[in-house]
């Protein structure tokens, strides 16, 4: 089971196993654990002796922040501006 949801009022709280979260984040499982350790996603919730999960909401926020970081570069800004006076092929 990938998502375990509990309804609390109008909000749904869901946990996601780390490998599934890593797939959604398009990173390796090792990188997902590095993001957890750095505090950028998580917290890690122990489900049993050998099972852990992270809140889906924190993964959603991590993905949204990556999109927000990329957006200024990809929204109508055109091609990157070269700061050097000499550009290969345009001398």
PDB file of N, CA and C in Angstrom:
ATOM      1  N   UNK A   1       0.856  -1.173   0.000  1.00  0.00           N
ATOM      2  CA  UNK A   1       0.000   0.000   0.000  1.00  0.00           C
ATOM      3  C   UNK A   1       0.898   1.230   0.000  1.00  0.00           C
ATOM      4  N   UNK A   2       0.709   2.098  -0.973  1.00  0.00           N
ATOM      5  CA  UNK A   2       1.573   3.258  -1.125  1.00  0.00           C
ATOM      6  C   UNK A   2       1.171   4.412  -0.224  1.00  0.00           C
ATOM      7  N   UNK A   3      -0.111   4.727  -0.153  1.00  0.00           N
ATOM      8  CA  UNK A   3      -0.598   5.821   0.685  1.00  0.00           C
ATOM      9  C   UNK A   3      -1.474   5.271   1.797  1.00  0.00           C
ATOM     10  N   UNK A   4      -1.270   5.806   2.981  1.00  0.00           N
ATOM     11  CA  UNK A   4      -2.123   5.459   4.105  1.00  0.00           C
ATOM     12  C   UNK A   4      -2.759   6.758   4.559  1.00  0.00           C
ATOM     13  N   UNK A   5      -4.044   6.912   4.333  1.00  0.00           N
ATOM     14  CA  UNK A   5      -4.718   8.186   4.596  1.00  0.00           C
ATOM     15  C   UNK A   5      -5.594   8.113   5.832  1.00  0.00           C
ATOM     16  N   UNK A   6      -5.566   9.191   6.583  1.00  0.00           N
ATOM     17  CA  UNK A   6      -6.435   9.365   7.748  1.00  0.00           C
ATOM     18  C   UNK A   6      -7.099  10.719   7.593  1.00  0.00           C
ATOM     19  N   UNK A   7      -8.406  10.750   7.664  1.00  0.00           N
ATOM     20  CA  UNK A   7      -9.114  12.015   7.536  1.00  0.00           C
ATOM     21  C   UNK A   7      -9.193  12.679   8.902  1.00  0.00           C
ATOM     22  N   UNK A   8      -8.755  13.950   8.946  1.00  0.00           N
ATOM     23  CA  UNK A   8      -8.878  14.713  10.198  1.00  0.00           C
ATOM     24  C   UNK A   8      -9.563  16.026   9.841  1.00  0.00           C
ATOM     25  N   UNK A   9     -10.852  16.089  10.059  1.00  0.00           N
ATOM     26  CA  UNK A   9     -11.612  17.273   9.678  1.00  0.00           C
ATOM     27  C   UNK A   9     -11.700  17.354   8.169  1.00  0.00           C
ATOM     28  N   UNK A  10     -11.371  18.516   7.618  1.00  0.00           N
ATOM     29  CA  UNK A  10     -11.429  18.725   6.171  1.00  0.00           C
ATOM     30  C   UNK A  10     -10.105  18.359   5.501  1.00  0.00           C
ATOM     31  N   UNK A  11      -9.141  17.932   6.289  1.00  0.00           N
ATOM     32  CA  UNK A  11      -7.801  17.681   5.786  1.00  0.00           C
ATOM     33  C   UNK A  11      -7.500  16.184   5.762  1.00  0.00           C
ATOM     34  N   UNK A  12      -6.837  15.714   4.714  1.00  0.00           N
ATOM     35  CA  UNK A  12      -6.441  14.314   4.623  1.00  0.00           C
ATOM     36  C   UNK A  12      -4.941  14.244   4.881  1.00  0.00           C
ATOM     37  N   UNK A  13      -4.561  13.433   5.852  1.00  0.00           N
ATOM     38  CA  UNK A  13      -3.157  13.235   6.169  1.00  0.00           C
ATOM     39  C   UNK A  13      -2.750  11.893   5.592  1.00  0.00           C
ATOM     40  N   UNK A  14      -1.709  11.879   4.775  1.00  0.00           N
ATOM     41  CA  UNK A  14      -1.277  10.637   4.143  1.00  0.00           C
ATOM     42  C   UNK A  14       0.220  10.450   4.347  1.00  0.00           C
ATOM     43  N   UNK A  15       0.613   9.196   4.522  1.00  0.00           N
ATOM     44  CA  UNK A  15       2.019   8.841   4.618  1.00  0.00           C
ATOM     45  C   UNK A  15       2.424   8.114   3.354  1.00  0.00           C
ATOM     46  N   UNK A  16       3.668   8.298   2.976  1.00  0.00           N
ATOM     47  CA  UNK A  16       4.183   7.724   1.745  1.00  0.00           C
ATOM     48  C   UNK A  16       5.511   7.040   2.050  1.00  0.00           C
ATOM     49  N   UNK A  17       5.670   5.815   1.605  1.00  0.00           N
ATOM     50  CA  UNK A  17       6.931   5.119   1.805  1.00  0.00           C
ATOM     51  C   UNK A  17       8.020   5.861   1.039  1.00  0.00           C
ATOM     52  N   UNK A  18       9.245   5.816   1.547  1.00  0.00           N
ATOM     53  CA  UNK A  18      10.343   6.596   0.976  1.00  0.00           C
ATOM     54  C   UNK A  18      10.619   6.229  -0.490  1.00  0.00           C
ATOM     55  N   UNK A  19      10.664   4.951  -0.881  1.00  0.00           N
ATOM     56  CA  UNK A  19      10.894   4.655  -2.304  1.00  0.00           C
ATOM     57  C   UNK A  19       9.818   5.251  -3.227  1.00  0.00           C
ATOM     58  N   UNK A  20       8.562   5.235  -2.781  1.00  0.00           N
ATOM     59  CA  UNK A  20       7.483   5.821  -3.581  1.00  0.00           C
ATOM     60  C   UNK A  20       7.646   7.329  -3.666  1.00  0.00           C
ATOM     61  N   UNK A  21       8.025   7.960  -2.561  1.00  0.00           N
ATOM     62  CA  UNK A  21       8.260   9.409  -2.555  1.00  0.00           C
ATOM     63  C   UNK A  21       9.421   9.751  -3.480  1.00  0.00           C
ATOM     64  N   UNK A  22      10.477   8.942  -3.436  1.00  0.00           N
ATOM     65  CA  UNK A  22      11.645   9.182  -4.295  1.00  0.00           C
ATOM     66  C   UNK A  22      11.248   9.136  -5.766  1.00  0.00           C
ATOM     67  N   UNK A  23      10.382   8.183  -6.128  1.00  0.00           N
ATOM     68  CA  UNK A  23       9.922   8.108  -7.524  1.00  0.00           C
ATOM     69  C   UNK A  23       9.158   9.366  -7.913  1.00  0.00           C
ATOM     70  N   UNK A  24       8.289   9.852  -7.006  1.00  0.00           N
ATOM     71  CA  UNK A  24       7.540  11.085  -7.308  1.00  0.00           C
ATOM     72  C   UNK A  24       8.474  12.287  -7.419  1.00  0.00           C
ATOM     73  N   UNK A  25       9.540  12.285  -6.623  1.00  0.00           N
ATOM     74  CA  UNK A  25      10.496  13.394  -6.614  1.00  0.00           C
ATOM     75  C   UNK A  25      11.498  13.297  -7.761  1.00  0.00           C
ATOM     76  N   UNK A  26      11.513  12.159  -8.460  1.00  0.00           N
ATOM     77  CA  UNK A  26      12.469  11.893  -9.546  1.00  0.00           C
ATOM     78  C   UNK A  26      13.908  11.927  -9.040  1.00  0.00           C
ATOM     79  N   UNK A  27      14.124  11.351  -7.856  1.00  0.00           N
ATOM     80  CA  UNK A  27      15.465  11.229  -7.295  1.00  0.00           C
ATOM     81  C   UNK A  27      15.650   9.792  -6.821  1.00  0.00           C
ATOM     82  N   UNK A  28      16.882   9.438  -6.501  1.00  0.00           N
ATOM     83  CA  UNK A  28      17.147   8.106  -5.964  1.00  0.00           C
ATOM     84  C   UNK A  28      16.637   8.025  -4.523  1.00  0.00           C
ATOM     85  N   UNK A  29      16.485   6.813  -4.046  1.00  0.00           N
ATOM     86  CA  UNK A  29      16.067   6.613  -2.658  1.00  0.00           C
ATOM     87  C   UNK A  29      17.124   7.207  -1.727  1.00  0.00           C
ATOM     88  N   UNK A  30      18.396   7.039  -2.078  1.00  0.00           N
ATOM     89  CA  UNK A  30      19.479   7.614  -1.257  1.00  0.00           C
ATOM     90  C   UNK A  30      19.357   9.124  -1.171  1.00  0.00           C
ATOM     91  N   UNK A  31      19.054   9.764  -2.301  1.00  0.00           N
ATOM     92  CA  UNK A  31      18.888  11.224  -2.297  1.00  0.00           C
ATOM     93  C   UNK A  31      17.679  11.627  -1.467  1.00  0.00           C
ATOM     94  N   UNK A  32      16.621  10.845  -1.510  1.00  0.00           N
ATOM     95  CA  UNK A  32      15.440  11.146  -0.689  1.00  0.00           C
ATOM     96  C   UNK A  32      15.809  11.105   0.792  1.00  0.00           C
ATOM     97  N   UNK A  33      16.593  10.107   1.192  1.00  0.00           N
ATOM     98  CA  UNK A  33      17.032  10.044   2.593  1.00  0.00           C
ATOM     99  C   UNK A  33      17.949  11.219   2.943  1.00  0.00           C
ATOM    100  N   UNK A  34      18.782  11.674   1.988  1.00  0.00           N
ATOM    101  CA  UNK A  34      19.611  12.861   2.242  1.00  0.00           C
ATOM    102  C   UNK A  34      18.739  14.102   2.440  1.00  0.00           C
ATOM    103  N   UNK A  35      17.651  14.211   1.669  1.00  0.00           N
ATOM    104  CA  UNK A  35      16.723  15.336   1.822  1.00  0.00           C
ATOM    105  C   UNK A  35      16.035  15.279   3.190  1.00  0.00           C
ATOM    106  N   UNK A  36      15.704  14.075   3.648  1.00  0.00           N
ATOM    107  CA  UNK A  36      15.099  13.910   4.973  1.00  0.00           C
ATOM    108  C   UNK A  36      16.102  14.330   6.044  1.00  0.00           C
ATOM    109  N   UNK A  37      17.337  13.833   5.927  1.00  0.00           N
ATOM    110  CA  UNK A  37      18.376  14.149   6.911  1.00  0.00           C
ATOM    111  C   UNK A  37      18.644  15.649   6.977  1.00  0.00           C
ATOM    112  N   UNK A  38      18.588  16.319   5.812  1.00  0.00           N
ATOM    113  CA  UNK A  38      18.826  17.766   5.756  1.00  0.00           C
ATOM    114  C   UNK A  38      17.620  18.568   6.243  1.00  0.00           C
ATOM    115  N   UNK A  39      16.490  17.885   6.463  1.00  0.00           N
ATOM    116  CA  UNK A  39      15.297  18.565   6.957  1.00  0.00           C
ATOM    117  C   UNK A  39      14.459  19.227   5.877  1.00  0.00           C
ATOM    118  N   UNK A  40      14.748  18.927   4.609  1.00  0.00           N
ATOM    119  CA  UNK A  40      13.981  19.528   3.514  1.00  0.00           C
ATOM    120  C   UNK A  40      12.669  18.800   3.257  1.00  0.00           C
ATOM    121  N   UNK A  41      12.569  17.524   3.663  1.00  0.00           N
ATOM    122  CA  UNK A  41      11.301  16.799   3.643  1.00  0.00           C
ATOM    123  C   UNK A  41      11.213  15.995   4.934  1.00  0.00           C
ATOM    124  N   UNK A  42      10.023  15.594   5.269  1.00  0.00           N
ATOM    125  CA  UNK A  42       9.874  14.787   6.471  1.00  0.00           C
ATOM    126  C   UNK A  42       8.882  15.403   7.419  1.00  0.00           C
ATOM    127  N   UNK A  43       8.833  14.926   8.596  1.00  0.00           N
ATOM    128  CA  UNK A  43       9.759  14.041   9.286  1.00  0.00           C
ATOM    129  C   UNK A  43       9.533  12.579   8.923  1.00  0.00           C
ATOM    130  N   UNK A  44      10.545  11.760   9.173  1.00  0.00           N
ATOM    131  CA  UNK A  44      10.449  10.331   8.959  1.00  0.00           C
ATOM    132  C   UNK A  44       9.602   9.739  10.078  1.00  0.00           C
ATOM    133  N   UNK A  45       8.560   9.009   9.707  1.00  0.00           N
ATOM    134  CA  UNK A  45       7.623   8.426  10.667  1.00  0.00           C
ATOM    135  C   UNK A  45       7.845   6.913  10.685  1.00  0.00           C
ATOM    136  N   UNK A  46       8.196   6.376  11.836  1.00  0.00           N
ATOM    137  CA  UNK A  46       8.382   4.933  11.963  1.00  0.00           C
ATOM    138  C   UNK A  46       7.023   4.255  12.004  1.00  0.00           C
ATOM    139  N   UNK A  47       6.817   3.288  11.122  1.00  0.00           N
ATOM    140  CA  UNK A  47       5.565   2.531  11.073  1.00  0.00           C
ATOM    141  C   UNK A  47       5.713   1.184  11.759  1.00  0.00           C
ATOM    142  N   UNK A  48       6.919   0.742  11.892  1.00  0.00           N
ATOM    143  CA  UNK A  48       7.212  -0.541  12.514  1.00  0.00           C
ATOM    144  C   UNK A  48       8.708  -0.642  12.702  1.00  0.00           C
ATOM    145  N   UNK A  49       9.164  -1.814  13.078  1.00  0.00           N
ATOM    146  CA  UNK A  49      10.589  -1.999  13.338  1.00  0.00           C
ATOM    147  C   UNK A  49      11.446  -1.716  12.101  1.00  0.00           C
ATOM    148  N   UNK A  50      10.970  -2.119  10.932  1.00  0.00           N
ATOM    149  CA  UNK A  50      11.749  -1.946   9.702  1.00  0.00           C
ATOM    150  C   UNK A  50      10.979  -1.200   8.621  1.00  0.00           C
ATOM    151  N   UNK A  51      10.078  -0.347   9.012  1.00  0.00           N
ATOM    152  CA  UNK A  51       9.253   0.363   8.041  1.00  0.00           C
ATOM    153  C   UNK A  51       9.097   1.823   8.445  1.00  0.00           C
ATOM    154  N   UNK A  52       9.321   2.714   7.485  1.00  0.00           N
ATOM    155  CA  UNK A  52       9.188   4.150   7.730  1.00  0.00           C
ATOM    156  C   UNK A  52       8.455   4.792   6.555  1.00  0.00           C
ATOM    157  N   UNK A  53       7.920   5.959   6.796  1.00  0.00           N
ATOM    158  CA  UNK A  53       7.224   6.717   5.751  1.00  0.00           C
ATOM    159  C   UNK A  53       7.399   8.201   6.052  1.00  0.00           C
ATOM    160  N   UNK A  54       7.051   9.020   5.086  1.00  0.00           N
ATOM    161  CA  UNK A  54       7.087  10.469   5.267  1.00  0.00           C
ATOM    162  C   UNK A  54       5.731  11.040   4.866  1.00  0.00           C
ATOM    163  N   UNK A  55       5.349  12.167   5.438  1.00  0.00           N
ATOM    164  CA  UNK A  55       4.072  12.775   5.060  1.00  0.00           C
ATOM    165  C   UNK A  55       4.068  13.184   3.581  1.00  0.00           C
ATOM    166  N   UNK A  56       3.031  12.802   2.873  1.00  0.00           N
ATOM    167  CA  UNK A  56       2.907  13.167   1.455  1.00  0.00           C
ATOM    168  C   UNK A  56       2.918  14.673   1.269  1.00  0.00           C
ATOM    169  N   UNK A  57       2.368  15.383   2.235  1.00  0.00           N
ATOM    170  CA  UNK A  57       2.323  16.843   2.164  1.00  0.00           C
ATOM    171  C   UNK A  57       3.730  17.445   2.081  1.00  0.00           C
ATOM    172  N   UNK A  58       4.697  16.872   2.803  1.00  0.00           N
ATOM    173  CA  UNK A  58       6.061  17.409   2.755  1.00  0.00           C
ATOM    174  C   UNK A  58       6.707  17.133   1.401  1.00  0.00           C
ATOM    175  N   UNK A  59       6.376  15.989   0.792  1.00  0.00           N
ATOM    176  CA  UNK A  59       6.875  15.681  -0.549  1.00  0.00           C
ATOM    177  C   UNK A  59       6.264  16.653  -1.559  1.00  0.00           C
ATOM    178  N   UNK A  60       4.971  16.916  -1.422  1.00  0.00           N
ATOM    179  CA  UNK A  60       4.300  17.875  -2.303  1.00  0.00           C
ATOM    180  C   UNK A  60       4.965  19.256  -2.215  1.00  0.00           C
ATOM    181  N   UNK A  61       5.272  19.693  -0.982  1.00  0.00           N
ATOM    182  CA  UNK A  61       5.930  20.998  -0.798  1.00  0.00           C
ATOM    183  C   UNK A  61       7.314  21.010  -1.433  1.00  0.00           C
ATOM    184  N   UNK A  62       8.068  19.909  -1.296  1.00  0.00           N
ATOM    185  CA  UNK A  62       9.410  19.805  -1.869  1.00  0.00           C
ATOM    186  C   UNK A  62       9.327  19.916  -3.394  1.00  0.00           C
ATOM    187  N   UNK A  63       8.379  19.200  -3.986  1.00  0.00           N
ATOM    188  CA  UNK A  63       8.199  19.238  -5.440  1.00  0.00           C
ATOM    189  C   UNK A  63       7.800  20.648  -5.882  1.00  0.00           C
ATOM    190  N   UNK A  64       6.876  21.268  -5.176  1.00  0.00           N
ATOM    191  CA  UNK A  64       6.434  22.627  -5.513  1.00  0.00           C
ATOM    192  C   UNK A  64       7.579  23.625  -5.442  1.00  0.00           C
ATOM    193  N   UNK A  65       8.446  23.467  -4.454  1.00  0.00           N
ATOM    194  CA  UNK A  65       9.569  24.408  -4.341  1.00  0.00           C
ATOM    195  C   UNK A  65      10.571  24.206  -5.475  1.00  0.00           C
ATOM    196  N   UNK A  66      10.768  22.963  -5.930  1.00  0.00           N
ATOM    197  CA  UNK A  66      11.655  22.725  -7.084  1.00  0.00           C
ATOM    198  C   UNK A  66      11.057  23.368  -8.332  1.00  0.00           C
ATOM    199  N   UNK A  67       9.742  23.257  -8.504  1.00  0.00           N
ATOM    200  CA  UNK A  67       9.078  23.872  -9.658  1.00  0.00           C
ATOM    201  C   UNK A  67       9.204  25.386  -9.587  1.00  0.00           C
ATOM    202  N   UNK A  68       9.016  25.947  -8.402  1.00  0.00           N
ATOM    203  CA  UNK A  68       9.121  27.398  -8.234  1.00  0.00           C
ATOM    204  C   UNK A  68      10.538  27.889  -8.543  1.00  0.00           C
ATOM    205  N   UNK A  69      11.543  27.114  -8.163  1.00  0.00           N
ATOM    206  CA  UNK A  69      12.927  27.487  -8.462  1.00  0.00           C
ATOM    207  C   UNK A  69      13.186  27.460  -9.959  1.00  0.00           C
ATOM    208  N   UNK A  70      12.574  26.529 -10.674  1.00  0.00           N
ATOM    209  CA  UNK A  70      12.801  26.383 -12.110  1.00  0.00           C
ATOM    210  C   UNK A  70      11.982  27.367 -12.929  1.00  0.00           C
ATOM    211  N   UNK A  71      10.852  27.818 -12.418  1.00  0.00           N
ATOM    212  CA  UNK A  71       9.930  28.642 -13.193  1.00  0.00           C
ATOM    213  C   UNK A  71      10.528  29.918 -13.763  1.00  0.00           C
ATOM    214  N   UNK A  72      11.293  30.720 -13.014  1.00  0.00           N
ATOM    215  CA  UNK A  72      11.834  31.946 -13.614  1.00  0.00           C
ATOM    216  C   UNK A  72      12.731  31.667 -14.815  1.00  0.00           C
ATOM    217  N   UNK A  73      13.385  30.520 -14.824  1.00  0.00           N
ATOM    218  CA  UNK A  73      14.271  30.177 -15.926  1.00  0.00           C
ATOM    219  C   UNK A  73      13.498  29.719 -17.152  1.00  0.00           C
ATOM    220  N   UNK A  74      12.283  29.250 -16.974  1.00  0.00           N
ATOM    221  CA  UNK A  74      11.563  28.632 -18.079  1.00  0.00           C
ATOM    222  C   UNK A  74      10.313  29.388 -18.503  1.00  0.00           C
ATOM    223  N   UNK A  75       9.986  30.498 -17.899  1.00  0.00           N
ATOM    224  CA  UNK A  75       8.754  31.192 -18.244  1.00  0.00           C
ATOM    225  C   UNK A  75       9.038  32.424 -19.087  1.00  0.00           C
ATOM    226  N   UNK A  76       9.228  32.207 -20.374  1.00  0.00           N
ATOM    227  CA  UNK A  76       9.371  33.329 -21.292  1.00  0.00           C
ATOM    228  C   UNK A  76      10.668  34.095 -21.188  1.00  0.00           C
ATOM    229  N   UNK A  77      11.634  33.585 -20.492  1.00  0.00           N
ATOM    230  CA  UNK A  77      12.897  34.296 -20.352  1.00  0.00           C
ATOM    231  C   UNK A  77      13.767  34.131 -21.592  1.00  0.00           C
ATOM    232  N   UNK A  78      13.401  33.228 -22.471  1.00  0.00           N
ATOM    233  CA  UNK A  78      14.185  33.022 -23.682  1.00  0.00           C
ATOM    234  C   UNK A  78      15.452  32.252 -23.383  1.00  0.00           C
ATOM    235  N   UNK A  79      16.424  32.416 -24.256  1.00  0.00           N
ATOM    236  CA  UNK A  79      17.679  31.713 -24.100  1.00  0.00           C
ATOM    237  C   UNK A  79      18.530  32.380 -23.038  1.00  0.00           C
ATOM    238  N   UNK A  80      19.427  31.629 -22.395  1.00  0.00           N
ATOM    239  CA  UNK A  80      20.285  32.218 -21.373  1.00  0.00           C
ATOM    240  C   UNK A  80      21.191  33.290 -21.958  1.00  0.00           C
ATOM    241  N   UNK A  81      21.463  34.301 -21.201  1.00  0.00           N
ATOM    242  CA  UNK A  81      22.327  35.394 -21.626  1.00  0.00           C
ATOM    243  C   UNK A  81      23.757  35.039 -21.292  1.00  0.00           C
ATOM    244  N   UNK A  82      24.659  35.187 -22.272  1.00  0.00           N
ATOM    245  CA  UNK A  82      26.067  34.928 -22.046  1.00  0.00           C
ATOM    246  C   UNK A  82      26.722  36.203 -21.539  1.00  0.00           C
ATOM    247  N   UNK A  83      27.452  36.096 -20.449  1.00  0.00           N
ATOM    248  CA  UNK A  83      28.049  37.277 -19.865  1.00  0.00           C
ATOM    249  C   UNK A  83      29.442  37.564 -20.417  1.00  0.00           C
ATOM    250  N   UNK A  84      30.066  36.596 -21.047  1.00  0.00           N
ATOM    251  CA  UNK A  84      31.389  36.843 -21.595  1.00  0.00           C
ATOM    252  C   UNK A  84      31.266  37.572 -22.926  1.00  0.00           C
ATOM    253  N   UNK A  85      32.298  38.314 -23.265  1.00  0.00           N
ATOM    254  CA  UNK A  85      32.289  39.090 -24.508  1.00  0.00           C
ATOM    255  C   UNK A  85      32.404  38.176 -25.717  1.00  0.00           C
ATOM    256  N   UNK A  86      33.083  37.057 -25.558  1.00  0.00           N
ATOM    257  CA  UNK A  86      33.262  36.128 -26.663  1.00  0.00           C
ATOM    258  C   UNK A  86      32.429  34.878 -26.435  1.00  0.00           C
ATOM    259  N   UNK A  87      31.567  34.588 -27.372  1.00  0.00           N
ATOM    260  CA  UNK A  87      30.744  33.395 -27.331  1.00  0.00           C
ATOM    261  C   UNK A  87      31.212  32.501 -28.480  1.00  0.00           C
ATOM    262  N   UNK A  88      31.410  31.236 -28.222  1.00  0.00           N
ATOM    263  CA  UNK A  88      31.888  30.307 -29.238  1.00  0.00           C
ATOM    264  C   UNK A  88      31.062  30.420 -30.502  1.00  0.00           C
ATOM    265  N   UNK A  89      31.747  30.592 -31.630  1.00  0.00           N
ATOM    266  CA  UNK A  89      31.070  30.672 -32.910  1.00  0.00           C
ATOM    267  C   UNK A  89      30.561  32.059 -33.242  1.00  0.00           C
ATOM    268  N   UNK A  90      30.678  33.037 -32.357  1.00  0.00           N
ATOM    269  CA  UNK A  90      30.201  34.397 -32.592  1.00  0.00           C
ATOM    270  C   UNK A  90      31.293  35.405 -32.261  1.00  0.00           C
ATOM    271  N   UNK A  91      32.422  35.251 -32.942  1.00  0.00           N
ATOM    272  CA  UNK A  91      33.554  36.118 -32.628  1.00  0.00           C
ATOM    273  C   UNK A  91      33.628  37.284 -33.567  1.00  0.00           C
TER     274      UNK A  91
END
